[in-house]
PDB file of N, CA and C in Angstrom:
ATOM      1  N   MET A   1      77.212  83.339  64.289  1.00  0.00           N
ATOM      2  CA  MET A   1      76.781  83.477  62.954  1.00  0.00           C
ATOM      3  C   MET A   1      74.987  84.101  63.175  1.00  0.00           C
ATOM      4  N   ASP A   2      74.478  83.282  64.143  1.00  0.00           N
ATOM      5  CA  ASP A   2      72.902  83.338  64.033  1.00  0.00           C
ATOM      6  C   ASP A   2      72.490  84.963  64.328  1.00  0.00           C
ATOM      7  N   PHE A   3      72.962  85.424  65.021  1.00  0.00           N
ATOM      8  CA  PHE A   3      72.438  86.814  65.438  1.00  0.00           C
ATOM      9  C   PHE A   3      73.096  87.792  64.177  1.00  0.00           C
ATOM     10  N   LEU A   4      74.136  87.960  63.687  1.00  0.00           N
ATOM     11  CA  LEU A   4      74.365  89.201  62.796  1.00  0.00           C
ATOM     12  C   LEU A   4      73.622  88.985  61.772  1.00  0.00           C
ATOM     13  N   PRO A   5      72.855  87.746  61.144  1.00  0.00           N
ATOM     14  CA  PRO A   5      71.919  88.294  59.906  1.00  0.00           C
ATOM     15  C   PRO A   5      70.848  89.371  60.493  1.00  0.00           C
ATOM     16  N   ALA A   6      70.443  88.888  61.761  1.00  0.00           N
ATOM     17  CA  ALA A   6      69.349  90.031  62.140  1.00  0.00           C
ATOM     18  C   ALA A   6      69.591  90.949  61.972  1.00  0.00           C
ATOM     19  N   ALA A   7      71.024  91.390  62.900  1.00  0.00           N
ATOM     20  CA  ALA A   7      71.386  92.835  63.283  1.00  0.00           C
ATOM     21  C   ALA A   7      71.453  93.281  61.799  1.00  0.00           C
ATOM     22  N   PHE A   8      71.957  92.782  60.457  1.00  0.00           N
ATOM     23  CA  PHE A   8      72.181  93.388  58.991  1.00  0.00           C
ATOM     24  C   PHE A   8      70.757  93.540  58.914  1.00  0.00           C
ATOM     25  N   ILE A   9      69.596  92.734  58.721  1.00  0.00           N
ATOM     26  CA  ILE A   9      68.510  93.477  58.340  1.00  0.00           C
ATOM     27  C   ILE A   9      67.917  94.645  59.167  1.00  0.00           C
ATOM     28  N   GLU A  10      68.514  94.337  60.520  1.00  0.00           N
ATOM     29  CA  GLU A  10      67.833  95.762  61.233  1.00  0.00           C
ATOM     30  C   GLU A  10      68.796  97.048  61.044  1.00  0.00           C
ATOM     31  N   CYS A  11      69.561  96.784  60.744  1.00  0.00           N
ATOM     32  CA  CYS A  11      70.600  98.286  60.918  1.00  0.00           C
ATOM     33  C   CYS A  11      70.969  98.169  59.737  1.00  0.00           C
ATOM     34  N   GLY A  12      71.570  97.281  58.691  1.00  0.00           N
ATOM     35  CA  GLY A  12      72.076  97.479  57.617  1.00  0.00           C
ATOM     36  C   GLY A  12      73.637  96.887  57.908  1.00  0.00           C
ATOM     37  N   LEU A  13      74.207  96.510  56.636  1.00  0.00           N
ATOM     38  CA  LEU A  13      75.654  96.180  56.771  1.00  0.00           C
ATOM     39  C   LEU A  13      76.518  97.160  57.349  1.00  0.00           C
ATOM     40  N   PRO A  14      77.667  96.895  58.532  1.00  0.00           N
ATOM     41  CA  PRO A  14      78.460  97.531  58.580  1.00  0.00           C
ATOM     42  C   PRO A  14      79.355  97.673  57.991  1.00  0.00           C
ATOM     43  N   LEU A  15      80.497  98.874  57.740  1.00  0.00           N
ATOM     44  CA  LEU A  15      81.404  98.703  57.457  1.00  0.00           C
ATOM     45  C   LEU A  15      82.414  97.843  58.176  1.00  0.00           C
ATOM     46  N   GLU A  16      82.541  97.813  59.762  1.00  0.00           N
ATOM     47  CA  GLU A  16      83.469  97.317  60.314  1.00  0.00           C
ATOM     48  C   GLU A  16      82.888  96.431  61.725  1.00  0.00           C
ATOM     49  N   ILE A  17      83.480  95.399  62.168  1.00  0.00           N
ATOM     50  CA  ILE A  17      82.953  94.596  63.553  1.00  0.00           C
ATOM     51  C   ILE A  17      83.844  94.908  64.513  1.00  0.00           C
ATOM     52  N   TYR A  18      84.032  95.359  65.779  1.00  0.00           N
ATOM     53  CA  TYR A  18      84.875  94.849  66.755  1.00  0.00           C
ATOM     54  C   TYR A  18      84.579  94.094  67.462  1.00  0.00           C
ATOM     55  N   PHE A  19      85.997  92.982  67.332  1.00  0.00           N
ATOM     56  CA  PHE A  19      85.889  91.574  67.971  1.00  0.00           C
ATOM     57  C   PHE A  19      87.100  91.726  69.208  1.00  0.00           C
ATOM     58  N   ASP A  20      86.910  90.387  70.183  1.00  0.00           N
ATOM     59  CA  ASP A  20      88.212  90.518  70.910  1.00  0.00           C
ATOM     60  C   ASP A  20      88.921  89.241  70.088  1.00  0.00           C
ATOM     61  N   PHE A  21      89.957  88.579  70.720  1.00  0.00           N
ATOM     62  CA  PHE A  21      90.703  87.833  70.133  1.00  0.00           C
ATOM     63  C   PHE A  21      90.144  86.211  70.272  1.00  0.00           C
ATOM     64  N   HIS A  22      89.190  86.023  70.094  1.00  0.00           N
ATOM     65  CA  HIS A  22      88.379  84.489  70.317  1.00  0.00           C
ATOM     66  C   HIS A  22      88.673  83.827  69.184  1.00  0.00           C
ATOM     67  N   SER A  23      89.121  82.863  69.452  1.00  0.00           N
ATOM     68  CA  SER A  23      89.505  81.495  67.950  1.00  0.00           C
ATOM     69  C   SER A  23      88.395  81.809  66.998  1.00  0.00           C
ATOM     70  N   ILE A  24      86.991  81.716  67.482  1.00  0.00           N
ATOM     71  CA  ILE A  24      86.256  82.135  66.266  1.00  0.00           C
ATOM     72  C   ILE A  24      86.348  83.358  65.324  1.00  0.00           C
ATOM     73  N   PHE A  25      86.978  84.289  65.778  1.00  0.00           N
ATOM     74  CA  PHE A  25      87.224  85.737  65.086  1.00  0.00           C
ATOM     75  C   PHE A  25      88.572  85.578  64.721  1.00  0.00           C
ATOM     76  N   PHE A  26      89.710  85.266  65.306  1.00  0.00           N
ATOM     77  CA  PHE A  26      90.980  85.350  65.210  1.00  0.00           C
ATOM     78  C   PHE A  26      91.514  84.326  64.845  1.00  0.00           C
ATOM     79  N   THR A  27      92.798  84.140  63.617  1.00  0.00           N
ATOM     80  CA  THR A  27      93.429  82.965  63.558  1.00  0.00           C
ATOM     81  C   THR A  27      94.678  83.398  63.693  1.00  0.00           C
ATOM     82  N   HIS A  28      95.998  82.648  64.253  1.00  0.00           N
ATOM     83  CA  HIS A  28      97.351  83.126  64.395  1.00  0.00           C
ATOM     84  C   HIS A  28      98.092  83.139  63.136  1.00  0.00           C
ATOM     85  N   ASP A  29      97.539  82.929  62.167  1.00  0.00           N
ATOM     86  CA  ASP A  29      97.979  82.925  60.902  1.00  0.00           C
ATOM     87  C   ASP A  29      97.338  84.685  60.041  1.00  0.00           C
ATOM     88  N   PRO A  30      98.366  85.541  59.832  1.00  0.00           N
ATOM     89  CA  PRO A  30      97.745  86.718  59.428  1.00  0.00           C
ATOM     90  C   PRO A  30      96.710  86.743  57.934  1.00  0.00           C
ATOM     91  N   GLN A  31      96.940  85.584  57.372  1.00  0.00           N
ATOM     92  CA  GLN A  31      96.340  85.443  56.091  1.00  0.00           C
ATOM     93  C   GLN A  31      95.294  84.572  56.289  1.00  0.00           C
ATOM     94  N   ALA A  32      95.400  83.911  56.819  1.00  0.00           N
ATOM     95  CA  ALA A  32      94.419  82.980  57.121  1.00  0.00           C
ATOM     96  C   ALA A  32      93.081  83.943  57.755  1.00  0.00           C
ATOM     97  N   LEU A  33      91.657  83.563  57.468  1.00  0.00           N
ATOM     98  CA  LEU A  33      90.555  83.829  58.004  1.00  0.00           C
ATOM     99  C   LEU A  33      90.046  82.326  58.465  1.00  0.00           C
ATOM    100  N   THR A  34      89.228  83.114  59.808  1.00  0.00           N
ATOM    101  CA  THR A  34      88.204  82.221  60.476  1.00  0.00           C
ATOM    102  C   THR A  34      87.151  81.856  59.450  1.00  0.00           C
ATOM    103  N   GLN A  35      86.233  80.808  59.322  1.00  0.00           N
ATOM    104  CA  GLN A  35      84.721  80.997  59.015  1.00  0.00           C
ATOM    105  C   GLN A  35      83.583  81.955  59.132  1.00  0.00           C
ATOM    106  N   LEU A  36      83.755  83.017  60.391  1.00  0.00           N
ATOM    107  CA  LEU A  36      83.083  83.816  60.529  1.00  0.00           C
ATOM    108  C   LEU A  36      83.696  85.107  59.471  1.00  0.00           C
ATOM    109  N   GLY A  37      85.396  84.866  59.622  1.00  0.00           N
ATOM    110  CA  GLY A  37      86.201  85.957  58.943  1.00  0.00           C
ATOM    111  C   GLY A  37      85.746  85.776  57.224  1.00  0.00           C
ATOM    112  N   GLN A  38      85.654  84.947  56.961  1.00  0.00           N
ATOM    113  CA  GLN A  38      85.157  84.535  55.568  1.00  0.00           C
ATOM    114  C   GLN A  38      84.371  85.143  54.832  1.00  0.00           C
ATOM    115  N   ALA A  39      82.932  84.829  56.012  1.00  0.00           N
ATOM    116  CA  ALA A  39      81.993  85.134  55.274  1.00  0.00           C
ATOM    117  C   ALA A  39      81.780  86.840  55.822  1.00  0.00           C
ATOM    118  N   LEU A  40      82.223  87.261  56.599  1.00  0.00           N
ATOM    119  CA  LEU A  40      82.471  88.879  56.899  1.00  0.00           C
ATOM    120  C   LEU A  40      83.315  89.059  55.608  1.00  0.00           C
ATOM    121  N   HIS A  41      84.283  89.055  55.103  1.00  0.00           N
ATOM    122  CA  HIS A  41      84.932  89.437  53.903  1.00  0.00           C
ATOM    123  C   HIS A  41      84.370  89.349  52.885  1.00  0.00           C
ATOM    124  N   PHE A  42      83.369  88.483  52.391  1.00  0.00           N
ATOM    125  CA  PHE A  42      82.901  88.064  51.393  1.00  0.00           C
ATOM    126  C   PHE A  42      81.667  89.723  51.398  1.00  0.00           C
ATOM    127  N   TYR A  43      81.300  89.414  51.924  1.00  0.00           N
ATOM    128  CA  TYR A  43      80.261  90.869  52.251  1.00  0.00           C
ATOM    129  C   TYR A  43      81.177  92.484  52.120  1.00  0.00           C
ATOM    130  N   GLY A  44      82.381  92.231  52.269  1.00  0.00           N
ATOM    131  CA  GLY A  44      83.086  93.467  52.428  1.00  0.00           C
ATOM    132  C   GLY A  44      83.015  94.521  53.655  1.00  0.00           C
ATOM    133  N   ILE A  45      82.898  93.248  54.888  1.00  0.00           N
ATOM    134  CA  ILE A  45      82.915  94.007  55.984  1.00  0.00           C
ATOM    135  C   ILE A  45      84.352  93.545  56.593  1.00  0.00           C
ATOM    136  N   SER A  46      85.223  94.195  57.519  1.00  0.00           N
ATOM    137  CA  SER A  46      86.192  94.306  57.924  1.00  0.00           C
ATOM    138  C   SER A  46      85.835  93.987  59.247  1.00  0.00           C
ATOM    139  N   PHE A  47      87.216  94.265  60.076  1.00  0.00           N
ATOM    140  CA  PHE A  47      86.796  93.786  61.690  1.00  0.00           C
ATOM    141  C   PHE A  47      88.300  94.102  61.879  1.00  0.00           C
ATOM    142  N   ARG A  48      88.061  94.483  63.239  1.00  0.00           N
ATOM    143  CA  ARG A  48      89.148  95.067  64.223  1.00  0.00           C
ATOM    144  C   ARG A  48      89.207  94.865  65.383  1.00  0.00           C
ATOM    145  N   TYR A  49      90.280  94.260  65.866  1.00  0.00           N
ATOM    146  CA  TYR A  49      90.334  93.411  67.120  1.00  0.00           C
ATOM    147  C   TYR A  49      90.928  94.344  68.292  1.00  0.00           C
ATOM    148  N   ALA A  50      90.053  94.070  69.514  1.00  0.00           N
ATOM    149  CA  ALA A  50      90.483  94.877  70.696  1.00  0.00           C
ATOM    150  C   ALA A  50      91.540  94.442  71.111  1.00  0.00           C
ATOM    151  N   PRO A  51      92.435  95.440  70.841  1.00  0.00           N
ATOM    152  CA  PRO A  51      93.646  95.422  71.252  1.00  0.00           C
ATOM    153  C   PRO A  51      94.607  95.630  72.747  1.00  0.00           C
ATOM    154  N   THR A  52      93.697  95.831  73.747  1.00  0.00           N
ATOM    155  CA  THR A  52      94.024  95.970  74.976  1.00  0.00           C
ATOM    156  C   THR A  52      93.241  95.277  76.151  1.00  0.00           C
ATOM    157  N   PRO A  53      93.278  94.873  77.276  1.00  0.00           N
ATOM    158  CA  PRO A  53      92.535  94.138  78.248  1.00  0.00           C
ATOM    159  C   PRO A  53      91.559  95.173  78.350  1.00  0.00           C
ATOM    160  N   GLN A  54      91.446  96.696  78.354  1.00  0.00           N
ATOM    161  CA  GLN A  54      90.251  97.524  78.477  1.00  0.00           C
ATOM    162  C   GLN A  54      89.710  97.480  77.414  1.00  0.00           C
ATOM    163  N   ALA A  55      90.108  97.386  76.042  1.00  0.00           N
ATOM    164  CA  ALA A  55      88.836  97.191  74.732  1.00  0.00           C
ATOM    165  C   ALA A  55      88.369  96.069  75.074  1.00  0.00           C
ATOM    166  N   LYS A  56      89.212  94.578  75.430  1.00  0.00           N
ATOM    167  CA  LYS A  56      88.124  93.589  75.074  1.00  0.00           C
ATOM    168  C   LYS A  56      87.413  93.591  76.345  1.00  0.00           C
ATOM    169  N   GLY A  57      87.517  94.543  77.674  1.00  0.00           N
ATOM    170  CA  GLY A  57      86.565  94.428  78.582  1.00  0.00           C
ATOM    171  C   GLY A  57      84.984  95.239  78.113  1.00  0.00           C
ATOM    172  N   LYS A  58      85.404  95.987  77.146  1.00  0.00           N
ATOM    173  CA  LYS A  58      84.067  96.376  76.533  1.00  0.00           C
ATOM    174  C   LYS A  58      83.082  95.933  75.620  1.00  0.00           C
ATOM    175  N   VAL A  59      83.830  94.640  75.002  1.00  0.00           N
ATOM    176  CA  VAL A  59      83.268  93.507  74.398  1.00  0.00           C
ATOM    177  C   VAL A  59      82.355  93.086  75.257  1.00  0.00           C
ATOM    178  N   GLU A  60      83.601  92.321  76.689  1.00  0.00           N
ATOM    179  CA  GLU A  60      82.936  91.541  77.488  1.00  0.00           C
ATOM    180  C   GLU A  60      81.499  92.164  78.248  1.00  0.00           C
ATOM    181  N   ARG A  61      81.625  93.165  78.199  1.00  0.00           N
ATOM    182  CA  ARG A  61      80.351  93.665  79.624  1.00  0.00           C
ATOM    183  C   ARG A  61      78.725  93.183  79.016  1.00  0.00           C
ATOM    184  N   SER A  62      79.089  93.221  77.300  1.00  0.00           N
ATOM    185  CA  SER A  62      77.459  92.862  76.816  1.00  0.00           C
ATOM    186  C   SER A  62      77.405  91.649  76.770  1.00  0.00           C
ATOM    187  N   HIS A  63      78.781  91.007  77.056  1.00  0.00           N
ATOM    188  CA  HIS A  63      78.187  89.162  77.146  1.00  0.00           C
ATOM    189  C   HIS A  63      77.936  89.080  78.615  1.00  0.00           C
ATOM    190  N   PHE A  64      78.452  89.804  79.630  1.00  0.00           N
ATOM    191  CA  PHE A  64      78.095  89.491  80.946  1.00  0.00           C
ATOM    192  C   PHE A  64      76.806  89.878  81.266  1.00  0.00           C
ATOM    193  N   PHE A  65      76.598  90.761  80.696  1.00  0.00           N
ATOM    194  CA  PHE A  65      74.923  91.366  80.796  1.00  0.00           C
ATOM    195  C   PHE A  65      74.252  90.581  80.434  1.00  0.00           C
ATOM    196  N   TRP A  66      73.912  89.608  79.747  1.00  0.00           N
ATOM    197  CA  TRP A  66      73.027  88.366  79.137  1.00  0.00           C
ATOM    198  C   TRP A  66      73.255  87.320  79.957  1.00  0.00           C
ATOM    199  N   GLN A  67      74.776  87.138  80.073  1.00  0.00           N
ATOM    200  CA  GLN A  67      75.098  85.920  81.095  1.00  0.00           C
ATOM    201  C   GLN A  67      74.268  86.029  82.427  1.00  0.00           C
ATOM    202  N   GLU A  68      74.076  87.166  82.923  1.00  0.00           N
ATOM    203  CA  GLU A  68      73.773  87.384  84.211  1.00  0.00           C
ATOM    204  C   GLU A  68      72.329  87.329  84.072  1.00  0.00           C
ATOM    205  N   ARG A  69      71.786  88.207  83.439  1.00  0.00           N
ATOM    206  CA  ARG A  69      70.458  88.393  83.420  1.00  0.00           C
ATOM    207  C   ARG A  69      69.566  87.037  82.537  1.00  0.00           C
ATOM    208  N   LEU A  70      69.784  86.623  81.622  1.00  0.00           N
ATOM    209  CA  LEU A  70      69.045  85.572  81.118  1.00  0.00           C
ATOM    210  C   LEU A  70      68.877  84.377  82.206  1.00  0.00           C
ATOM    211  N   PRO A  71      69.502  83.588  82.589  1.00  0.00           N
ATOM    212  CA  PRO A  71      69.258  82.744  83.576  1.00  0.00           C
ATOM    213  C   PRO A  71      67.945  83.215  84.336  1.00  0.00           C
ATOM    214  N   ALA A  72      67.927  84.231  84.930  1.00  0.00           N
ATOM    215  CA  ALA A  72      67.165  84.612  86.082  1.00  0.00           C
ATOM    216  C   ALA A  72      65.503  84.969  85.359  1.00  0.00           C
ATOM    217  N   TYR A  73      65.649  85.616  84.260  1.00  0.00           N
ATOM    218  CA  TYR A  73      64.450  86.149  83.159  1.00  0.00           C
ATOM    219  C   TYR A  73      63.749  84.610  82.975  1.00  0.00           C
ATOM    220  N   PHE A  74      64.424  83.313  82.444  1.00  0.00           N
ATOM    221  CA  PHE A  74      63.745  82.234  81.916  1.00  0.00           C
ATOM    222  C   PHE A  74      63.327  81.426  83.127  1.00  0.00           C
ATOM    223  N   ALA A  75      63.753  81.525  84.115  1.00  0.00           N
ATOM    224  CA  ALA A  75      63.296  80.813  85.687  1.00  0.00           C
ATOM    225  C   ALA A  75      62.166  81.643  85.886  1.00  0.00           C
ATOM    226  N   SER A  76      62.149  82.576  85.795  1.00  0.00           N
ATOM    227  CA  SER A  76      61.011  83.612  86.508  1.00  0.00           C
ATOM    228  C   SER A  76      59.828  83.511  85.401  1.00  0.00           C
ATOM    229  N   GLU A  77      59.852  83.101  83.976  1.00  0.00           N
ATOM    230  CA  GLU A  77      58.966  83.119  83.047  1.00  0.00           C
ATOM    231  C   GLU A  77      58.853  81.181  82.889  1.00  0.00           C
ATOM    232  N   GLN A  78      59.726  80.443  83.359  1.00  0.00           N
ATOM    233  CA  GLN A  78      59.514  79.326  83.908  1.00  0.00           C
ATOM    234  C   GLN A  78      59.869  78.892  82.339  1.00  0.00           C
ATOM    235  N   ILE A  79      60.784  79.094  81.610  1.00  0.00           N
ATOM    236  CA  ILE A  79      61.276  78.425  80.558  1.00  0.00           C
ATOM    237  C   ILE A  79      62.127  77.778  80.670  1.00  0.00           C
ATOM    238  N   THR A  80      62.054  76.478  80.229  1.00  0.00           N
ATOM    239  CA  THR A  80      62.757  75.300  80.568  1.00  0.00           C
ATOM    240  C   THR A  80      63.590  74.989  79.274  1.00  0.00           C
ATOM    241  N   ASP A  81      63.496  75.325  78.314  1.00  0.00           N
ATOM    242  CA  ASP A  81      64.089  74.645  76.976  1.00  0.00           C
ATOM    243  C   ASP A  81      64.445  75.667  75.582  1.00  0.00           C
ATOM    244  N   ILE A  82      65.380  75.834  74.995  1.00  0.00           N
ATOM    245  CA  ILE A  82      66.081  76.628  74.078  1.00  0.00           C
ATOM    246  C   ILE A  82      64.578  76.847  72.878  1.00  0.00           C
ATOM    247  N   ASP A  83      63.805  75.861  72.823  1.00  0.00           N
ATOM    248  CA  ASP A  83      62.620  76.379  72.010  1.00  0.00           C
ATOM    249  C   ASP A  83      61.804  77.491  72.375  1.00  0.00           C
ATOM    250  N   GLN A  84      61.643  77.317  73.924  1.00  0.00           N
ATOM    251  CA  GLN A  84      60.361  78.035  74.296  1.00  0.00           C
ATOM    252  C   GLN A  84      61.377  79.787  74.634  1.00  0.00           C
ATOM    253  N   ALA A  85      62.599  79.501  74.792  1.00  0.00           N
ATOM    254  CA  ALA A  85      63.949  80.457  75.015  1.00  0.00           C
ATOM    255  C   ALA A  85      63.855  81.266  73.473  1.00  0.00           C
ATOM    256  N   ASN A  86      63.834  80.982  72.674  1.00  0.00           N
ATOM    257  CA  ASN A  86      64.162  81.520  71.488  1.00  0.00           C
ATOM    258  C   ASN A  86      63.436  82.895  71.206  1.00  0.00           C
ATOM    259  N   PRO A  87      62.114  82.383  71.261  1.00  0.00           N
ATOM    260  CA  PRO A  87      61.105  83.749  70.928  1.00  0.00           C
ATOM    261  C   PRO A  87      61.284  85.043  71.861  1.00  0.00           C
ATOM    262  N   HIS A  88      61.789  84.898  72.882  1.00  0.00           N
ATOM    263  CA  HIS A  88      61.829  85.869  73.625  1.00  0.00           C
ATOM    264  C   HIS A  88      63.248  86.979  73.447  1.00  0.00           C
ATOM    265  N   ILE A  89      64.194  86.146  73.091  1.00  0.00           N
ATOM    266  CA  ILE A  89      65.363  86.874  72.620  1.00  0.00           C
ATOM    267  C   ILE A  89      65.382  88.111  72.069  1.00  0.00           C
ATOM    268  N   GLN A  90      64.665  88.247  70.817  1.00  0.00           N
ATOM    269  CA  GLN A  90      64.700  89.229  70.063  1.00  0.00           C
ATOM    270  C   GLN A  90      64.022  90.771  71.111  1.00  0.00           C
ATOM    271  N   ASP A  91      62.723  90.294  71.101  1.00  0.00           N
ATOM    272  CA  ASP A  91      62.244  91.280  72.403  1.00  0.00           C
ATOM    273  C   ASP A  91      63.064  91.646  73.436  1.00  0.00           C
ATOM    274  N   LEU A  92      63.436  90.794  73.876  1.00  0.00           N
ATOM    275  CA  LEU A  92      64.645  91.001  75.181  1.00  0.00           C
ATOM    276  C   LEU A  92      65.660  92.204  74.706  1.00  0.00           C
ATOM    277  N   ARG A  93      66.453  91.526  73.452  1.00  0.00           N
ATOM    278  CA  ARG A  93      67.620  92.441  72.856  1.00  0.00           C
ATOM    279  C   ARG A  93      67.439  93.737  72.637  1.00  0.00           C
ATOM    280  N   LEU A  94      66.042  93.678  71.711  1.00  0.00           N
ATOM    281  CA  LEU A  94      65.240  95.277  71.714  1.00  0.00           C
ATOM    282  C   LEU A  94      65.094  95.974  72.691  1.00  0.00           C
ATOM    283  N   HIS A  95      64.423  95.523  73.883  1.00  0.00           N
ATOM    284  CA  HIS A  95      64.251  96.162  75.024  1.00  0.00           C
ATOM    285  C   HIS A  95      65.424  96.496  76.109  1.00  0.00           C
ATOM    286  N   GLN A  96      66.710  96.014  76.063  1.00  0.00           N
ATOM    287  CA  GLN A  96      68.119  96.184  76.257  1.00  0.00           C
ATOM    288  C   GLN A  96      68.499  97.577  75.668  1.00  0.00           C
ATOM    289  N   THR A  97      68.324  97.399  74.073  1.00  0.00           N
ATOM    290  CA  THR A  97      68.763  98.509  73.552  1.00  0.00           C
ATOM    291  C   THR A  97      68.463  99.637  73.646  1.00  0.00           C
ATOM    292  N   ASN A  98      67.159  99.492  73.187  1.00  0.00           N
ATOM    293  CA  ASN A  98      66.408 100.815  73.699  1.00  0.00           C
ATOM    294  C   ASN A  98      66.113 101.332  74.543  1.00  0.00           C
ATOM    295  N   THR A  99      66.456 100.673  76.089  1.00  0.00           N
ATOM    296  CA  THR A  99      66.704 101.422  77.149  1.00  0.00           C
ATOM    297  C   THR A  99      67.748 102.145  77.393  1.00  0.00           C
ATOM    298  N   LYS A 100      68.899 101.222  76.996  1.00  0.00           N
ATOM    299  CA  LYS A 100      70.409 101.593  77.400  1.00  0.00           C
ATOM    300  C   LYS A 100      71.005 102.775  76.711  1.00  0.00           C
ATOM    301  N   PHE A 101      70.714 102.553  75.176  1.00  0.00           N
ATOM    302  CA  PHE A 101      71.140 103.361  74.472  1.00  0.00           C
ATOM    303  C   PHE A 101      69.835 104.198  73.541  1.00  0.00           C
ATOM    304  N   THR A 102      70.281 105.693  73.221  1.00  0.00           N
ATOM    305  CA  THR A 102      69.572 106.543  72.309  1.00  0.00           C
ATOM    306  C   THR A 102      68.755 106.134  71.407  1.00  0.00           C
ATOM    307  N   ALA A 103      69.686 105.331  70.360  1.00  0.00           N
ATOM    308  CA  ALA A 103      70.136 105.157  69.036  1.00  0.00           C
ATOM    309  C   ALA A 103      70.036 103.775  69.330  1.00  0.00           C
ATOM    310  N   ASN A 104      69.268 103.124  67.979  1.00  0.00           N
ATOM    311  CA  ASN A 104      69.349 101.343  68.212  1.00  0.00           C
ATOM    312  C   ASN A 104      70.883 100.910  67.254  1.00  0.00           C
ATOM    313  N   CYS A 105      71.006 101.679  66.356  1.00  0.00           N
ATOM    314  CA  CYS A 105      71.950 101.121  65.402  1.00  0.00           C
ATOM    315  C   CYS A 105      73.144 102.335  65.093  1.00  0.00           C
ATOM    316  N   ARG A 106      73.548 102.556  66.387  1.00  0.00           N
ATOM    317  CA  ARG A 106      74.576 103.772  66.170  1.00  0.00           C
ATOM    318  C   ARG A 106      75.372 103.146  67.085  1.00  0.00           C
TER     319      ARG A 106
END
């Protein structure tokens, strides 16, 4: 929930967001919504769930990228707590997006 407002400000509201079947996104009751689902529904944003292991892998690759690189970056910069780390996140995300993809919000 913390990163979505920044993404929406930068790129605008999406029509749909692609999720895996994690419990913060999905309930086993098709009529129920999670807290995040309720917030997205309020703004008219629908969501699609990754239906296969391969599709879920696409979602997970981005998480793996950060899980592998952030600890090394923070160690090299001698960042030891969350208050020191947070200001770096936006710049790192923009750098990764702009070097990996040709368009930032597509």
